């Protein structure tokens, strides 16, 4: 039951890391 939610959380984490890296490169 929590497998899909866990996967969604992982995707969210990955997106956050990518966004953080992009912001770091821009600054």
C-alpha atoms as a PDB file:
ATOM      1  CA  UNK A   1       0.000   0.000   0.000  1.00  0.00           C
ATOM      2  CA  UNK A   2       2.824   2.411   0.857  1.00  0.00           C
ATOM      3  CA  UNK A   3       4.988   1.342  -2.113  1.00  0.00           C
ATOM      4  CA  UNK A   4       3.520   3.906  -4.524  1.00  0.00           C
ATOM      5  CA  UNK A   5       3.762   6.691  -1.933  1.00  0.00           C
ATOM      6  CA  UNK A   6       7.373   5.768  -1.167  1.00  0.00           C
ATOM      7  CA  UNK A   7       8.214   5.887  -4.869  1.00  0.00           C
ATOM      8  CA  UNK A   8       6.528   9.291  -5.147  1.00  0.00           C
ATOM      9  CA  UNK A   9       8.589  10.546  -2.187  1.00  0.00           C
ATOM     10  CA  UNK A  10      11.796   9.344  -3.869  1.00  0.00           C
ATOM     11  CA  UNK A  11      10.838  11.164  -7.090  1.00  0.00           C
ATOM     12  CA  UNK A  12      10.118  14.317  -5.061  1.00  0.00           C
ATOM     13  CA  UNK A  13      13.511  14.032  -3.310  1.00  0.00           C
ATOM     14  CA  UNK A  14      15.309  13.583  -6.643  1.00  0.00           C
ATOM     15  CA  UNK A  15      13.505  16.613  -8.101  1.00  0.00           C
ATOM     16  CA  UNK A  16      14.471  18.697  -5.062  1.00  0.00           C
ATOM     17  CA  UNK A  17      18.126  17.686  -5.379  1.00  0.00           C
ATOM     18  CA  UNK A  18      18.152  18.468  -9.125  1.00  0.00           C
ATOM     19  CA  UNK A  19      16.495  21.858  -8.530  1.00  0.00           C
ATOM     20  CA  UNK A  20      18.988  22.614  -5.748  1.00  0.00           C
ATOM     21  CA  UNK A  21      21.932  21.754  -8.017  1.00  0.00           C
ATOM     22  CA  UNK A  22      20.525  23.911 -10.841  1.00  0.00           C
ATOM     23  CA  UNK A  23      20.023  26.853  -8.456  1.00  0.00           C
ATOM     24  CA  UNK A  24      23.576  26.367  -7.159  1.00  0.00           C
ATOM     25  CA  UNK A  25      24.936  26.454 -10.714  1.00  0.00           C
ATOM     26  CA  UNK A  26      22.925  29.575 -11.578  1.00  0.00           C
ATOM     27  CA  UNK A  27      24.087  31.485  -8.474  1.00  0.00           C
END
